[in-house]
N, C-alpha and C. Protein backbone atom coordinates (compact mmCIF):
# COMPACT_ATOMS: atom_id res chain seq x y z
N MET A 1 -0.14 -3.15 0.62
CA MET A 1 -1.72 -3.02 1.40
C MET A 1 -1.32 -2.15 2.55
N TYR A 2 -0.12 -2.85 2.93
CA TYR A 2 0.28 -1.51 4.50
C TYR A 2 0.30 -0.35 4.00
N LEU A 3 1.29 -0.10 2.93
CA LEU A 3 1.24 1.54 2.63
C LEU A 3 -0.23 2.06 2.64
N THR A 4 -1.37 2.10 1.78
CA THR A 4 -2.71 2.01 2.10
C THR A 4 -2.69 2.59 2.89
N VAL A 5 -2.67 1.51 3.49
CA VAL A 5 -3.85 1.83 5.27
C VAL A 5 -2.57 2.74 5.72
N ALA A 6 -1.29 3.31 6.21
CA ALA A 6 -0.28 4.10 6.82
C ALA A 6 -0.64 5.27 6.53
N ALA A 7 -0.72 5.59 5.00
CA ALA A 7 -1.22 6.59 4.16
C ALA A 7 -2.32 7.50 4.52
N GLY A 8 -3.64 6.51 4.57
CA GLY A 8 -4.33 6.50 4.47
C GLY A 8 -4.90 7.48 6.30
N LEU A 9 -4.08 6.28 7.42
CA LEU A 9 -3.99 6.41 8.93
C LEU A 9 -3.74 8.22 9.30
N LEU A 10 -2.24 8.61 8.18
CA LEU A 10 -1.93 9.72 7.71
C LEU A 10 -2.50 11.09 7.83
N VAL A 11 -3.22 10.77 6.57
CA VAL A 11 -3.86 11.70 6.16
C VAL A 11 -5.26 11.79 6.75
N ALA A 12 -6.03 11.39 7.95
CA ALA A 12 -6.95 11.37 8.50
C ALA A 12 -6.14 12.19 9.72
N PHE A 13 -5.12 11.64 10.26
CA PHE A 13 -4.87 12.13 11.25
C PHE A 13 -4.62 13.46 10.77
N HIS A 14 -4.12 13.91 9.82
CA HIS A 14 -3.90 15.67 9.46
C HIS A 14 -4.65 16.35 9.16
N PHE A 15 -6.08 15.66 8.87
CA PHE A 15 -7.28 16.18 8.49
C PHE A 15 -7.94 16.16 9.74
N SER A 16 -7.52 15.67 10.93
CA SER A 16 -8.35 15.17 11.72
C SER A 16 -9.22 16.93 12.69
N PRO A 17 -10.56 16.69 12.72
CA PRO A 17 -10.63 17.95 14.03
C PRO A 17 -9.40 18.70 15.35
N SER A 18 -7.98 18.21 15.48
CA SER A 18 -7.87 18.42 16.12
C SER A 18 -6.68 19.44 16.16
N ALA A 19 -6.48 19.11 14.75
CA ALA A 19 -5.77 20.59 13.70
C ALA A 19 -6.77 21.58 13.18
N ALA A 20 -6.16 22.56 13.38
CA ALA A 20 -7.20 23.70 13.63
C ALA A 20 -7.22 24.39 11.58
N LEU A 21 -6.50 23.75 11.13
CA LEU A 21 -6.30 24.87 10.01
C LEU A 21 -6.82 24.08 9.30
N ASP A 22 -7.31 25.41 8.42
CA ASP A 22 -8.80 24.97 6.83
C ASP A 22 -8.03 24.21 5.65
N LEU A 23 -8.72 24.16 4.53
CA LEU A 23 -8.39 22.70 3.88
C LEU A 23 -7.40 23.91 2.71
N ARG A 24 -7.44 24.99 2.58
CA ARG A 24 -7.24 26.08 1.61
C ARG A 24 -5.61 25.99 1.76
N THR A 25 -5.34 26.19 3.65
CA THR A 25 -3.70 26.24 3.86
C THR A 25 -3.15 25.26 3.59
N ARG A 26 -4.19 23.50 3.90
CA ARG A 26 -3.63 22.33 3.80
C ARG A 26 -2.34 22.14 2.47
N LEU A 27 -3.70 22.34 1.48
CA LEU A 27 -3.10 22.11 0.00
C LEU A 27 -1.90 23.32 -0.16
N ARG A 28 -1.79 24.60 0.09
CA ARG A 28 -0.71 25.49 0.06
C ARG A 28 0.28 24.86 0.62
N ASP A 29 -0.10 24.03 1.67
CA ASP A 29 1.59 23.35 2.26
C ASP A 29 1.95 21.84 1.49
N VAL A 30 0.86 21.36 0.93
CA VAL A 30 1.62 20.18 0.01
C VAL A 30 2.00 21.40 -1.40
N GLY A 31 1.71 21.91 -1.58
CA GLY A 31 1.93 22.60 -2.84
C GLY A 31 1.89 21.99 -3.43
N LEU A 32 3.47 22.34 -4.90
CA LEU A 32 3.83 21.89 -6.66
C LEU A 32 4.88 20.49 -5.96
N SER A 33 5.65 20.13 -5.37
CA SER A 33 6.60 19.08 -4.55
C SER A 33 5.54 18.33 -4.68
N GLY A 34 4.49 18.09 -3.67
CA GLY A 34 3.60 17.62 -2.60
C GLY A 34 3.07 17.20 -3.99
N ALA A 35 2.49 17.78 -4.56
CA ALA A 35 1.72 17.04 -6.24
C ALA A 35 2.52 16.32 -6.82
N LEU A 36 4.27 16.60 -7.28
CA LEU A 36 4.80 15.85 -7.66
C LEU A 36 5.04 14.28 -7.15
N LEU A 37 5.07 14.39 -5.60
CA LEU A 37 5.93 13.56 -5.00
C LEU A 37 4.39 12.07 -5.08
N LEU A 38 2.81 12.86 -5.12
CA LEU A 38 2.20 11.93 -5.16
C LEU A 38 1.50 11.52 -6.74
N ALA A 39 2.05 11.93 -7.95
CA ALA A 39 1.78 11.63 -9.58
C ALA A 39 2.49 10.25 -9.65
N PRO A 40 3.40 9.51 -8.60
CA PRO A 40 3.52 8.27 -9.65
C PRO A 40 3.04 7.13 -9.09
N ALA A 41 2.35 7.42 -7.52
CA ALA A 41 1.61 6.71 -6.80
C ALA A 41 0.05 6.80 -7.68
N VAL A 42 0.25 7.83 -8.03
CA VAL A 42 -1.77 7.88 -8.69
C VAL A 42 -1.42 6.57 -10.31
N LEU A 43 -0.42 7.14 -10.62
CA LEU A 43 0.11 6.79 -12.08
C LEU A 43 -0.14 4.60 -12.08
N VAL A 44 0.91 4.66 -10.73
CA VAL A 44 0.52 3.59 -11.02
C VAL A 44 -0.90 3.01 -10.16
N TYR A 45 -1.88 3.77 -9.70
CA TYR A 45 -2.81 3.22 -9.08
C TYR A 45 -3.70 3.19 -9.69
N VAL A 46 -4.14 3.54 -10.75
CA VAL A 46 -4.83 4.19 -11.53
C VAL A 46 -5.43 2.92 -12.65
N PRO A 47 -3.97 2.09 -13.26
CA PRO A 47 -4.41 0.91 -13.60
C PRO A 47 -5.08 0.10 -13.38
N TYR A 48 -4.51 -0.15 -11.96
CA TYR A 48 -4.14 -1.38 -11.59
C TYR A 48 -6.43 -1.38 -10.72
N LEU A 49 -6.71 -0.04 -11.34
CA LEU A 49 -7.97 0.05 -10.66
C LEU A 49 -8.28 -0.82 -11.29
N GLN A 50 -8.09 -0.23 -13.32
CA GLN A 50 -9.22 -0.31 -14.05
C GLN A 50 -9.32 -1.48 -14.60
N VAL A 51 -7.83 -1.84 -14.31
CA VAL A 51 -7.31 -4.04 -13.98
C VAL A 51 -8.54 -4.56 -13.59
N ASN A 52 -8.38 -4.58 -12.10
CA ASN A 52 -9.33 -5.00 -10.77
C ASN A 52 -10.61 -4.91 -12.02
N SER A 53 -11.46 -3.44 -11.90
CA SER A 53 -13.01 -3.46 -12.26
C SER A 53 -12.58 -4.40 -13.66
N GLU A 54 -12.36 -4.20 -14.44
CA GLU A 54 -12.55 -4.96 -15.54
C GLU A 54 -12.39 -6.67 -15.70
N PHE A 55 -11.72 -7.10 -14.83
CA PHE A 55 -11.47 -8.86 -14.76
C PHE A 55 -12.22 -9.22 -12.85
N GLY A 56 -12.56 -8.05 -12.60
CA GLY A 56 -13.23 -8.51 -11.17
C GLY A 56 -12.57 -9.15 -9.98
N LEU A 57 -11.40 -8.77 -9.87
CA LEU A 57 -10.60 -9.40 -9.47
C LEU A 57 -10.97 -8.88 -8.20
N LYS A 58 -11.30 -9.85 -6.44
CA LYS A 58 -11.72 -9.54 -5.51
C LYS A 58 -10.36 -10.32 -4.52
N ARG A 59 -9.66 -10.32 -3.94
CA ARG A 59 -8.26 -10.56 -2.54
C ARG A 59 -9.17 -10.60 -1.49
N THR A 60 -8.95 -11.23 -1.14
CA THR A 60 -9.07 -11.68 0.44
C THR A 60 -8.41 -12.23 1.21
N MET A 61 -8.09 -11.55 2.49
CA MET A 61 -7.28 -12.44 3.47
C MET A 61 -8.35 -13.40 4.02
N ALA A 62 -9.71 -14.04 3.76
CA ALA A 62 -10.32 -14.64 4.27
C ALA A 62 -9.66 -16.63 4.34
N ASP A 63 -9.22 -16.89 2.81
CA ASP A 63 -8.77 -17.89 2.67
C ASP A 63 -7.55 -18.20 2.93
N TRP A 64 -6.18 -17.32 3.25
CA TRP A 64 -4.85 -17.14 2.87
C TRP A 64 -4.83 -18.36 4.11
N GLU A 65 -4.34 -18.94 4.06
CA GLU A 65 -3.13 -19.85 5.23
C GLU A 65 -1.64 -20.18 5.19
N THR A 66 -0.77 -20.01 5.51
CA THR A 66 0.75 -20.61 5.20
C THR A 66 1.23 -21.61 6.19
N THR A 67 1.18 -22.36 4.92
CA THR A 67 1.32 -24.25 5.49
C THR A 67 3.04 -23.92 5.91
N ALA A 68 3.16 -25.37 6.35
CA ALA A 68 4.67 -25.49 6.82
C ALA A 68 5.79 -25.19 5.69
N VAL A 69 5.45 -25.56 4.92
CA VAL A 69 6.09 -26.25 3.34
C VAL A 69 6.72 -24.96 2.72
N SER A 70 5.43 -23.92 2.68
CA SER A 70 6.15 -22.72 2.50
C SER A 70 7.04 -22.06 2.71
N PHE A 71 7.65 -22.72 4.32
CA PHE A 71 8.78 -21.39 5.19
C PHE A 71 10.04 -22.51 4.77
N VAL A 72 10.22 -23.60 3.76
CA VAL A 72 10.97 -23.94 3.56
C VAL A 72 11.42 -24.41 2.43
N SER A 73 10.54 -23.85 1.31
CA SER A 73 10.05 -23.83 -0.49
C SER A 73 11.65 -23.29 -0.91
N SER A 74 11.52 -22.26 -0.46
CA SER A 74 13.16 -21.26 -1.53
C SER A 74 14.51 -22.46 -1.22
N VAL A 75 15.05 -22.04 -2.42
CA VAL A 75 16.04 -22.38 -2.27
C VAL A 75 17.62 -21.90 -2.11
N THR A 76 17.69 -21.87 -0.78
CA THR A 76 18.70 -20.75 -0.29
C THR A 76 20.02 -21.71 0.56
N PRO A 77 21.43 -20.84 0.73
CA PRO A 77 22.35 -22.42 1.12
C PRO A 77 21.89 -22.88 2.75
N PHE A 78 20.86 -21.96 3.45
CA PHE A 78 20.89 -22.68 4.68
C PHE A 78 20.02 -23.72 3.97
N HIS A 79 19.20 -23.88 2.92
CA HIS A 79 18.28 -25.17 3.36
C HIS A 79 18.51 -26.08 2.52
N ARG A 80 19.85 -26.03 1.02
CA ARG A 80 20.46 -26.70 0.91
C ARG A 80 21.82 -27.78 2.01
N ALA A 81 22.30 -26.64 2.88
CA ALA A 81 22.79 -27.06 3.86
C ALA A 81 22.08 -28.50 4.60
N LEU A 82 21.03 -27.74 4.93
CA LEU A 82 20.04 -28.24 5.79
C LEU A 82 19.58 -29.82 5.12
N PHE A 83 19.46 -29.65 4.09
CA PHE A 83 18.45 -31.08 3.11
C PHE A 83 19.74 -32.18 2.73
N THR A 84 20.88 -31.74 2.55
CA THR A 84 21.83 -32.29 2.33
C THR A 84 23.01 -33.00 3.39
């Protein structure tokens, strides 16, 4: 989620009107190496979208809450020492 937001902000910044480069110049600058770097992200994202639309998964953060038990639920050496 955070990567998507950061990437979206970066793309919005680069395509903002403050930069006077046209679209052809930007596509030429990205080139083949940029396309190859974006390919794995697209290959992962497309099946995710298909499953999401097929099963109607809708996730929101409206009902997420962290309980106090969540912070001590893992079994780490610290927690073992704390509870023994």
